Amino acid sequence: MPYAQPLWKDIRDDLRARIKAGLLKPGEKIPTTRELMNQHSTSSATVRRAVDSMIGAGELVGRQGLGVFVAGDPG
């Protein structure tokens, strides 16, 4: 039986797929932690781990008080 990857990686992979498909564009705000919690039926800590991993990889950018955005210039 194949080993299932941790849920935070599923969330990360989902966000990456949305970016690749153009559903989330550079400079666009990603869904809130609460929205991602509801979409994936998980805790804020799990969502935070996924988002933090993408911030660390330079794929997302956090802006204090504004939210988290897809890295890169819009357009």
N, C-alpha and C. Protein backbone atom coordinates (compact mmCIF):
# COMPACT_ATOMS: atom_id res chain seq x y z
N MET A 1 0.85 -1.19 0.00
CA MET A 1 0.00 0.00 0.00
C MET A 1 0.89 1.25 0.00
N PRO A 2 0.64 2.18 -0.93
CA PRO A 2 1.50 3.37 -0.99
C PRO A 2 1.31 4.25 0.24
N TYR A 3 2.39 4.89 0.62
CA TYR A 3 2.37 5.79 1.77
C TYR A 3 1.77 7.13 1.36
N ALA A 4 0.78 7.59 2.10
CA ALA A 4 0.18 8.89 1.83
C ALA A 4 1.10 9.98 2.37
N GLN A 5 1.27 11.05 1.60
CA GLN A 5 2.11 12.14 2.07
C GLN A 5 1.35 12.97 3.10
N PRO A 6 2.08 13.71 3.93
CA PRO A 6 1.42 14.55 4.94
C PRO A 6 0.47 15.55 4.29
N LEU A 7 -0.60 15.88 5.01
CA LEU A 7 -1.63 16.78 4.48
C LEU A 7 -1.06 18.14 4.09
N TRP A 8 -0.09 18.64 4.84
CA TRP A 8 0.46 19.96 4.48
C TRP A 8 1.07 19.92 3.08
N LYS A 9 1.62 18.78 2.67
CA LYS A 9 2.18 18.67 1.32
C LYS A 9 1.07 18.63 0.28
N ASP A 10 -0.07 18.04 0.62
CA ASP A 10 -1.22 18.06 -0.29
C ASP A 10 -1.69 19.50 -0.52
N ILE A 11 -1.73 20.28 0.54
CA ILE A 11 -2.14 21.69 0.44
C ILE A 11 -1.14 22.45 -0.42
N ARG A 12 0.15 22.24 -0.15
CA ARG A 12 1.21 22.88 -0.94
C ARG A 12 1.06 22.50 -2.42
N ASP A 13 0.87 21.22 -2.69
CA ASP A 13 0.74 20.77 -4.07
C ASP A 13 -0.50 21.35 -4.75
N ASP A 14 -1.59 21.49 -3.98
CA ASP A 14 -2.82 22.09 -4.51
C ASP A 14 -2.58 23.55 -4.88
N LEU A 15 -1.91 24.29 -4.01
CA LEU A 15 -1.62 25.70 -4.30
C LEU A 15 -0.70 25.81 -5.52
N ARG A 16 0.30 24.95 -5.60
CA ARG A 16 1.21 24.96 -6.76
C ARG A 16 0.44 24.67 -8.04
N ALA A 17 -0.50 23.72 -7.99
CA ALA A 17 -1.30 23.39 -9.17
C ALA A 17 -2.17 24.57 -9.59
N ARG A 18 -2.73 25.27 -8.63
CA ARG A 18 -3.56 26.45 -8.94
C ARG A 18 -2.72 27.54 -9.60
N ILE A 19 -1.49 27.72 -9.11
CA ILE A 19 -0.59 28.72 -9.70
C ILE A 19 -0.22 28.31 -11.12
N LYS A 20 0.16 27.05 -11.30
CA LYS A 20 0.56 26.55 -12.62
C LYS A 20 -0.58 26.66 -13.62
N ALA A 21 -1.81 26.40 -13.17
CA ALA A 21 -2.98 26.47 -14.05
C ALA A 21 -3.43 27.90 -14.32
N GLY A 22 -2.82 28.88 -13.63
CA GLY A 22 -3.20 30.27 -13.84
C GLY A 22 -4.40 30.70 -13.02
N LEU A 23 -4.85 29.83 -12.10
CA LEU A 23 -5.98 30.20 -11.24
C LEU A 23 -5.55 31.20 -10.18
N LEU A 24 -4.29 31.14 -9.81
CA LEU A 24 -3.67 32.13 -8.92
C LEU A 24 -2.49 32.72 -9.68
N LYS A 25 -2.52 34.03 -9.92
CA LYS A 25 -1.51 34.68 -10.74
C LYS A 25 -0.50 35.43 -9.87
N PRO A 26 0.69 35.71 -10.42
CA PRO A 26 1.68 36.49 -9.67
C PRO A 26 1.09 37.79 -9.14
N GLY A 27 1.35 38.05 -7.87
CA GLY A 27 0.83 39.25 -7.23
C GLY A 27 -0.57 39.09 -6.65
N GLU A 28 -1.22 37.97 -6.92
CA GLU A 28 -2.58 37.73 -6.44
C GLU A 28 -2.55 37.13 -5.03
N LYS A 29 -3.50 37.54 -4.22
CA LYS A 29 -3.61 37.01 -2.86
C LYS A 29 -4.15 35.58 -2.90
N ILE A 30 -3.54 34.70 -2.09
CA ILE A 30 -4.04 33.32 -2.01
C ILE A 30 -5.21 33.29 -1.03
N PRO A 31 -5.98 32.20 -1.03
CA PRO A 31 -7.08 32.09 -0.05
C PRO A 31 -6.55 32.24 1.39
N THR A 32 -7.40 32.70 2.27
CA THR A 32 -7.02 32.88 3.67
C THR A 32 -6.77 31.53 4.34
N THR A 33 -6.11 31.59 5.48
CA THR A 33 -5.87 30.36 6.25
C THR A 33 -7.19 29.66 6.54
N ARG A 34 -8.19 30.42 6.94
CA ARG A 34 -9.50 29.83 7.26
C ARG A 34 -10.11 29.17 6.03
N GLU A 35 -10.03 29.81 4.87
CA GLU A 35 -10.57 29.22 3.64
C GLU A 35 -9.84 27.92 3.31
N LEU A 36 -8.52 27.92 3.43
CA LEU A 36 -7.75 26.71 3.16
C LEU A 36 -8.05 25.62 4.19
N MET A 37 -8.26 26.02 5.44
CA MET A 37 -8.64 25.06 6.49
C MET A 37 -9.95 24.38 6.10
N ASN A 38 -10.92 25.15 5.66
CA ASN A 38 -12.23 24.60 5.28
C ASN A 38 -12.13 23.73 4.03
N GLN A 39 -11.36 24.18 3.04
CA GLN A 39 -11.23 23.42 1.79
C GLN A 39 -10.57 22.06 2.03
N HIS A 40 -9.62 22.00 2.97
CA HIS A 40 -8.85 20.78 3.19
C HIS A 40 -9.21 20.07 4.50
N SER A 41 -10.19 20.58 5.22
CA SER A 41 -10.64 19.99 6.49
C SER A 41 -9.47 19.70 7.42
N THR A 42 -8.72 20.75 7.72
CA THR A 42 -7.54 20.59 8.57
C THR A 42 -7.36 21.79 9.48
N SER A 43 -6.30 21.76 10.26
CA SER A 43 -6.02 22.81 11.25
C SER A 43 -5.24 23.97 10.64
N SER A 44 -5.23 25.08 11.37
CA SER A 44 -4.46 26.24 10.92
C SER A 44 -2.96 25.92 10.90
N ALA A 45 -2.49 25.09 11.83
CA ALA A 45 -1.06 24.73 11.87
C ALA A 45 -0.65 23.99 10.60
N THR A 46 -1.50 23.13 10.10
CA THR A 46 -1.20 22.37 8.88
C THR A 46 -1.16 23.30 7.67
N VAL A 47 -2.12 24.21 7.58
CA VAL A 47 -2.15 25.19 6.49
C VAL A 47 -0.91 26.07 6.58
N ARG A 48 -0.59 26.53 7.78
CA ARG A 48 0.57 27.42 7.98
C ARG A 48 1.85 26.74 7.53
N ARG A 49 1.99 25.45 7.83
CA ARG A 49 3.19 24.72 7.43
C ARG A 49 3.31 24.70 5.91
N ALA A 50 2.21 24.46 5.22
CA ALA A 50 2.22 24.43 3.75
C ALA A 50 2.60 25.81 3.20
N VAL A 51 1.96 26.85 3.71
CA VAL A 51 2.21 28.21 3.23
C VAL A 51 3.65 28.63 3.57
N ASP A 52 4.10 28.34 4.78
CA ASP A 52 5.46 28.70 5.18
C ASP A 52 6.50 28.01 4.30
N SER A 53 6.23 26.76 3.91
CA SER A 53 7.18 26.04 3.05
C SER A 53 7.29 26.73 1.69
N MET A 54 6.16 27.26 1.21
CA MET A 54 6.16 27.95 -0.08
C MET A 54 6.78 29.34 0.01
N ILE A 55 6.61 29.99 1.15
CA ILE A 55 7.28 31.28 1.37
C ILE A 55 8.79 31.05 1.41
N GLY A 56 9.20 30.02 2.13
CA GLY A 56 10.62 29.69 2.21
C GLY A 56 11.23 29.35 0.87
N ALA A 57 10.44 28.78 -0.03
CA ALA A 57 10.91 28.41 -1.37
C ALA A 57 10.81 29.58 -2.35
N GLY A 58 10.28 30.71 -1.89
CA GLY A 58 10.15 31.88 -2.76
C GLY A 58 8.95 31.85 -3.69
N GLU A 59 8.03 30.91 -3.45
CA GLU A 59 6.85 30.80 -4.31
C GLU A 59 5.72 31.74 -3.88
N LEU A 60 5.69 32.06 -2.60
CA LEU A 60 4.70 32.97 -2.03
C LEU A 60 5.43 34.05 -1.25
N VAL A 61 4.74 35.18 -1.04
CA VAL A 61 5.29 36.29 -0.28
C VAL A 61 4.25 36.73 0.75
N GLY A 62 4.65 36.78 2.02
CA GLY A 62 3.77 37.27 3.07
C GLY A 62 3.93 38.77 3.21
N ARG A 63 2.82 39.47 3.35
CA ARG A 63 2.85 40.92 3.56
C ARG A 63 2.08 41.22 4.84
N GLN A 64 2.81 41.69 5.85
CA GLN A 64 2.25 41.92 7.18
C GLN A 64 0.95 42.71 7.10
N GLY A 65 -0.10 42.15 7.68
CA GLY A 65 -1.39 42.82 7.74
C GLY A 65 -2.21 42.74 6.46
N LEU A 66 -1.63 42.21 5.38
CA LEU A 66 -2.33 42.16 4.10
C LEU A 66 -2.66 40.75 3.65
N GLY A 67 -1.81 39.80 3.99
CA GLY A 67 -2.04 38.43 3.57
C GLY A 67 -0.84 37.84 2.88
N VAL A 68 -1.07 36.76 2.17
CA VAL A 68 -0.01 36.05 1.45
C VAL A 68 -0.35 36.07 -0.03
N PHE A 69 0.67 36.36 -0.84
CA PHE A 69 0.48 36.56 -2.27
C PHE A 69 1.40 35.66 -3.07
N VAL A 70 0.99 35.36 -4.29
CA VAL A 70 1.83 34.61 -5.21
C VAL A 70 3.03 35.50 -5.55
N ALA A 71 4.23 34.93 -5.47
CA ALA A 71 5.44 35.68 -5.76
C ALA A 71 5.49 36.08 -7.22
N GLY A 72 6.20 37.15 -7.50
CA GLY A 72 6.36 37.62 -8.88
C GLY A 72 5.53 38.86 -9.12
N ASP A 73 5.92 39.57 -10.15
CA ASP A 73 5.21 40.80 -10.49
C ASP A 73 3.94 40.48 -11.25
N PRO A 74 2.84 41.18 -10.93
CA PRO A 74 1.61 40.95 -11.69
C PRO A 74 1.82 41.33 -13.16
N GLY A 75 1.10 40.61 -14.00
CA GLY A 75 1.14 40.94 -15.42
C GLY A 75 2.08 40.19 -16.19
